[in-house]
Amino acid sequence: MSQNTVSRFQFLRSARGWVLPVALLLVWEFMSRQSAEHSYAFASISQIFHGLVEIISTGELQQGIAASVQRALLGLLIGGSAGFVVGAIMSSCVWPMC
């Protein structure tokens, strides 16, 4: 086999993984443009993209991500602290006598 044929097979093999996601996106876009009865369940991909651009440009996305990270870290701190305290108490007790 020539080098060109081998590289073509490698490209096809790597492109094969994109077939299903692209097909799903195309079906999604098609269904969102069919009729009003489908539009409530399937917002078009272009509407979603424009919404994403809007919340990025207003800074709302960054604020939402910061709030989510803050809540997650606070929960981790509270849970980790409580687990540490309970573990320390349990390790200092002899089970039948505690």
N, C-alpha and C. Protein backbone atom coordinates (compact mmCIF):
# COMPACT_ATOMS: atom_id res chain seq x y z
N MET A 1 0.83 -1.17 0.00
CA MET A 1 0.00 0.00 0.00
C MET A 1 0.87 1.23 0.00
N SER A 2 0.38 2.22 -0.66
CA SER A 2 1.14 3.46 -0.70
C SER A 2 0.88 4.26 0.58
N GLN A 3 1.72 5.24 0.81
CA GLN A 3 1.60 6.08 2.00
C GLN A 3 0.28 6.86 1.97
N ASN A 4 -0.16 7.26 0.78
CA ASN A 4 -1.40 8.02 0.64
C ASN A 4 -2.61 7.16 1.04
N THR A 5 -2.61 5.90 0.65
CA THR A 5 -3.72 5.00 0.99
C THR A 5 -3.76 4.74 2.49
N VAL A 6 -2.60 4.56 3.11
CA VAL A 6 -2.53 4.31 4.54
C VAL A 6 -3.04 5.53 5.30
N SER A 7 -2.65 6.73 4.90
CA SER A 7 -3.11 7.92 5.60
C SER A 7 -4.61 8.14 5.40
N ARG A 8 -5.14 7.73 4.24
CA ARG A 8 -6.57 7.85 3.99
C ARG A 8 -7.34 6.91 4.92
N PHE A 9 -6.84 5.69 5.12
CA PHE A 9 -7.48 4.75 6.03
C PHE A 9 -7.43 5.25 7.48
N GLN A 10 -6.31 5.85 7.85
CA GLN A 10 -6.19 6.39 9.20
C GLN A 10 -7.18 7.54 9.40
N PHE A 11 -7.35 8.37 8.38
CA PHE A 11 -8.32 9.47 8.46
C PHE A 11 -9.73 8.92 8.60
N LEU A 12 -10.08 7.93 7.81
CA LEU A 12 -11.42 7.36 7.87
C LEU A 12 -11.67 6.70 9.22
N ARG A 13 -10.66 6.05 9.75
CA ARG A 13 -10.79 5.40 11.04
C ARG A 13 -11.01 6.44 12.14
N SER A 14 -10.29 7.55 12.08
CA SER A 14 -10.45 8.58 13.11
C SER A 14 -11.73 9.38 12.89
N ALA A 15 -12.18 9.53 11.67
CA ALA A 15 -13.41 10.27 11.38
C ALA A 15 -14.65 9.46 11.73
N ARG A 16 -14.53 8.16 11.83
CA ARG A 16 -15.66 7.29 12.12
C ARG A 16 -16.29 7.64 13.48
N GLY A 17 -15.51 8.10 14.41
CA GLY A 17 -16.02 8.46 15.72
C GLY A 17 -16.89 9.71 15.72
N TRP A 18 -16.81 10.51 14.65
CA TRP A 18 -17.60 11.73 14.56
C TRP A 18 -18.94 11.52 13.89
N VAL A 19 -19.18 10.37 13.31
CA VAL A 19 -20.39 10.15 12.52
C VAL A 19 -21.64 10.24 13.40
N LEU A 20 -21.69 9.53 14.50
CA LEU A 20 -22.87 9.53 15.35
C LEU A 20 -23.15 10.90 15.97
N PRO A 21 -22.17 11.60 16.55
CA PRO A 21 -22.47 12.92 17.11
C PRO A 21 -22.97 13.91 16.05
N VAL A 22 -22.36 13.91 14.88
CA VAL A 22 -22.80 14.82 13.82
C VAL A 22 -24.20 14.44 13.35
N ALA A 23 -24.48 13.15 13.22
CA ALA A 23 -25.82 12.71 12.81
C ALA A 23 -26.86 13.13 13.85
N LEU A 24 -26.55 12.99 15.13
CA LEU A 24 -27.47 13.41 16.18
C LEU A 24 -27.73 14.91 16.14
N LEU A 25 -26.69 15.69 15.90
CA LEU A 25 -26.87 17.14 15.79
C LEU A 25 -27.72 17.51 14.58
N LEU A 26 -27.53 16.82 13.48
CA LEU A 26 -28.33 17.09 12.29
C LEU A 26 -29.80 16.73 12.52
N VAL A 27 -30.06 15.60 13.17
CA VAL A 27 -31.43 15.21 13.48
C VAL A 27 -32.05 16.22 14.44
N TRP A 28 -31.29 16.67 15.41
CA TRP A 28 -31.76 17.67 16.37
C TRP A 28 -32.17 18.94 15.64
N GLU A 29 -31.30 19.44 14.78
CA GLU A 29 -31.60 20.67 14.03
C GLU A 29 -32.81 20.46 13.13
N PHE A 30 -32.89 19.33 12.48
CA PHE A 30 -34.02 19.02 11.61
C PHE A 30 -35.33 19.01 12.40
N MET A 31 -35.33 18.34 13.55
CA MET A 31 -36.55 18.26 14.35
C MET A 31 -36.97 19.62 14.90
N SER A 32 -36.01 20.47 15.24
CA SER A 32 -36.34 21.78 15.78
C SER A 32 -36.95 22.70 14.73
N ARG A 33 -36.72 22.43 13.46
CA ARG A 33 -37.24 23.28 12.39
C ARG A 33 -38.49 22.71 11.72
N GLN A 34 -38.99 21.58 12.18
CA GLN A 34 -40.14 20.95 11.53
C GLN A 34 -41.44 21.68 11.77
N SER A 35 -41.85 21.82 13.01
CA SER A 35 -43.12 22.46 13.29
C SER A 35 -43.10 23.01 14.70
N ALA A 36 -44.14 23.76 15.02
CA ALA A 36 -44.22 24.38 16.35
C ALA A 36 -44.36 23.34 17.45
N GLU A 37 -44.95 22.20 17.13
CA GLU A 37 -45.13 21.19 18.17
C GLU A 37 -43.81 20.55 18.59
N HIS A 38 -42.80 20.59 17.74
CA HIS A 38 -41.48 20.06 18.10
C HIS A 38 -40.57 21.15 18.68
N SER A 39 -40.88 22.40 18.42
CA SER A 39 -39.97 23.46 18.83
C SER A 39 -39.91 23.63 20.34
N TYR A 40 -40.94 23.22 21.08
CA TYR A 40 -40.87 23.34 22.54
C TYR A 40 -39.88 22.35 23.13
N ALA A 41 -39.69 21.22 22.47
CA ALA A 41 -38.80 20.18 22.99
C ALA A 41 -37.40 20.28 22.39
N PHE A 42 -37.30 20.81 21.19
CA PHE A 42 -36.02 20.89 20.50
C PHE A 42 -35.73 22.33 20.13
N ALA A 43 -35.00 23.05 20.97
CA ALA A 43 -34.52 24.37 20.58
C ALA A 43 -33.44 24.15 19.53
N SER A 44 -33.42 24.99 18.52
CA SER A 44 -32.44 24.77 17.46
C SER A 44 -31.03 25.04 17.98
N ILE A 45 -30.08 24.41 17.34
CA ILE A 45 -28.69 24.55 17.76
C ILE A 45 -28.22 25.98 17.58
N SER A 46 -28.71 26.66 16.55
CA SER A 46 -28.34 28.06 16.34
C SER A 46 -28.87 28.93 17.48
N GLN A 47 -30.08 28.66 17.99
CA GLN A 47 -30.60 29.41 19.14
C GLN A 47 -29.75 29.16 20.38
N ILE A 48 -29.35 27.93 20.56
CA ILE A 48 -28.52 27.59 21.72
C ILE A 48 -27.16 28.29 21.61
N PHE A 49 -26.59 28.31 20.41
CA PHE A 49 -25.29 28.96 20.21
C PHE A 49 -25.41 30.47 20.47
N HIS A 50 -26.46 31.09 19.96
CA HIS A 50 -26.64 32.53 20.18
C HIS A 50 -26.86 32.83 21.67
N GLY A 51 -27.58 31.96 22.36
CA GLY A 51 -27.76 32.13 23.80
C GLY A 51 -26.45 32.00 24.55
N LEU A 52 -25.61 31.06 24.12
CA LEU A 52 -24.30 30.87 24.74
C LEU A 52 -23.44 32.12 24.55
N VAL A 53 -23.43 32.65 23.34
CA VAL A 53 -22.65 33.86 23.06
C VAL A 53 -23.15 35.02 23.91
N GLU A 54 -24.47 35.11 24.07
CA GLU A 54 -25.05 36.21 24.85
C GLU A 54 -24.65 36.12 26.32
N ILE A 55 -24.75 34.93 26.93
CA ILE A 55 -24.42 34.85 28.35
C ILE A 55 -22.91 34.95 28.59
N ILE A 56 -22.11 34.62 27.61
CA ILE A 56 -20.67 34.84 27.74
C ILE A 56 -20.36 36.32 27.67
N SER A 57 -21.00 37.03 26.73
CA SER A 57 -20.71 38.46 26.54
C SER A 57 -21.21 39.30 27.72
N THR A 58 -22.29 38.89 28.37
CA THR A 58 -22.80 39.65 29.52
C THR A 58 -22.07 39.30 30.81
N GLY A 59 -21.32 38.22 30.81
CA GLY A 59 -20.60 37.80 32.01
C GLY A 59 -21.43 36.90 32.92
N GLU A 60 -22.65 36.60 32.50
CA GLU A 60 -23.54 35.76 33.31
C GLU A 60 -23.00 34.33 33.46
N LEU A 61 -22.39 33.81 32.40
CA LEU A 61 -21.85 32.45 32.47
C LEU A 61 -20.71 32.37 33.48
N GLN A 62 -19.83 33.36 33.45
CA GLN A 62 -18.70 33.35 34.38
C GLN A 62 -19.19 33.47 35.82
N GLN A 63 -20.23 34.29 36.05
CA GLN A 63 -20.78 34.42 37.40
C GLN A 63 -21.42 33.11 37.86
N GLY A 64 -22.12 32.45 36.96
CA GLY A 64 -22.75 31.18 37.30
C GLY A 64 -21.74 30.10 37.60
N ILE A 65 -20.67 30.05 36.81
CA ILE A 65 -19.61 29.06 37.05
C ILE A 65 -18.93 29.35 38.38
N ALA A 66 -18.66 30.62 38.67
CA ALA A 66 -18.02 30.98 39.94
C ALA A 66 -18.90 30.59 41.12
N ALA A 67 -20.21 30.84 41.02
CA ALA A 67 -21.12 30.48 42.10
C ALA A 67 -21.17 28.96 42.29
N SER A 68 -21.19 28.21 41.20
CA SER A 68 -21.22 26.75 41.30
C SER A 68 -19.95 26.20 41.91
N VAL A 69 -18.81 26.73 41.51
CA VAL A 69 -17.54 26.27 42.08
C VAL A 69 -17.48 26.62 43.56
N GLN A 70 -17.97 27.81 43.91
CA GLN A 70 -17.97 28.21 45.32
C GLN A 70 -18.83 27.28 46.15
N ARG A 71 -20.03 26.94 45.66
CA ARG A 71 -20.90 26.02 46.39
C ARG A 71 -20.27 24.63 46.51
N ALA A 72 -19.64 24.17 45.45
CA ALA A 72 -19.02 22.85 45.48
C ALA A 72 -17.86 22.81 46.48
N LEU A 73 -17.03 23.84 46.48
CA LEU A 73 -15.90 23.88 47.41
C LEU A 73 -16.37 24.03 48.86
N LEU A 74 -17.42 24.82 49.07
CA LEU A 74 -17.96 24.96 50.41
C LEU A 74 -18.53 23.63 50.91
N GLY A 75 -19.25 22.93 50.05
CA GLY A 75 -19.76 21.62 50.41
C GLY A 75 -18.66 20.63 50.70
N LEU A 76 -17.60 20.67 49.90
CA LEU A 76 -16.45 19.79 50.15
C LEU A 76 -15.79 20.12 51.48
N LEU A 77 -15.66 21.40 51.78
CA LEU A 77 -15.05 21.81 53.05
C LEU A 77 -15.91 21.36 54.23
N ILE A 78 -17.21 21.58 54.15
CA ILE A 78 -18.10 21.18 55.25
C ILE A 78 -18.11 19.66 55.41
N GLY A 79 -18.28 18.94 54.31
CA GLY A 79 -18.31 17.48 54.37
C GLY A 79 -16.99 16.89 54.82
N GLY A 80 -15.89 17.43 54.32
CA GLY A 80 -14.57 16.93 54.71
C GLY A 80 -14.27 17.19 56.17
N SER A 81 -14.67 18.37 56.63
CA SER A 81 -14.45 18.71 58.05
C SER A 81 -15.28 17.81 58.96
N ALA A 82 -16.55 17.64 58.60
CA ALA A 82 -17.41 16.78 59.41
C ALA A 82 -16.88 15.34 59.40
N GLY A 83 -16.46 14.85 58.26
CA GLY A 83 -15.92 13.50 58.18
C GLY A 83 -14.64 13.35 58.98
N PHE A 84 -13.81 14.38 58.96
CA PHE A 84 -12.57 14.33 59.73
C PHE A 84 -12.86 14.29 61.22
N VAL A 85 -13.80 15.13 61.67
CA VAL A 85 -14.14 15.18 63.10
C VAL A 85 -14.73 13.84 63.54
N VAL A 86 -15.68 13.33 62.79
CA VAL A 86 -16.30 12.04 63.14
C VAL A 86 -15.26 10.93 63.12
N GLY A 87 -14.38 10.92 62.14
CA GLY A 87 -13.33 9.91 62.07
C GLY A 87 -12.36 10.01 63.24
N ALA A 88 -12.03 11.23 63.63
CA ALA A 88 -11.13 11.41 64.78
C ALA A 88 -11.77 10.93 66.06
N ILE A 89 -13.06 11.23 66.21
CA ILE A 89 -13.76 10.76 67.42
C ILE A 89 -13.85 9.24 67.43
N MET A 90 -14.17 8.64 66.31
CA MET A 90 -14.29 7.19 66.25
C MET A 90 -12.97 6.49 66.48
N SER A 91 -11.89 7.10 66.00
CA SER A 91 -10.58 6.45 66.17
C SER A 91 -10.07 6.55 67.60
N SER A 92 -10.58 7.52 68.36
CA SER A 92 -10.10 7.66 69.73
C SER A 92 -10.89 6.81 70.71
N CYS A 93 -11.98 6.21 70.27
CA CYS A 93 -12.80 5.37 71.13
C CYS A 93 -12.49 3.90 70.89
N VAL A 94 -12.50 3.14 72.00
CA VAL A 94 -12.46 1.69 71.87
C VAL A 94 -13.90 1.27 71.78
N TRP A 95 -14.25 0.50 70.76
CA TRP A 95 -15.65 0.28 70.40
C TRP A 95 -16.57 -0.20 71.53
N PRO A 96 -16.27 -1.28 72.23
CA PRO A 96 -17.25 -1.74 73.23
C PRO A 96 -17.39 -0.77 74.41
N MET A 97 -16.38 0.01 74.70
CA MET A 97 -16.41 0.83 75.89
C MET A 97 -16.79 2.27 75.59
N CYS A 98 -16.99 2.67 74.39
CA CYS A 98 -17.23 4.05 74.05
C CYS A 98 -18.64 4.42 74.13
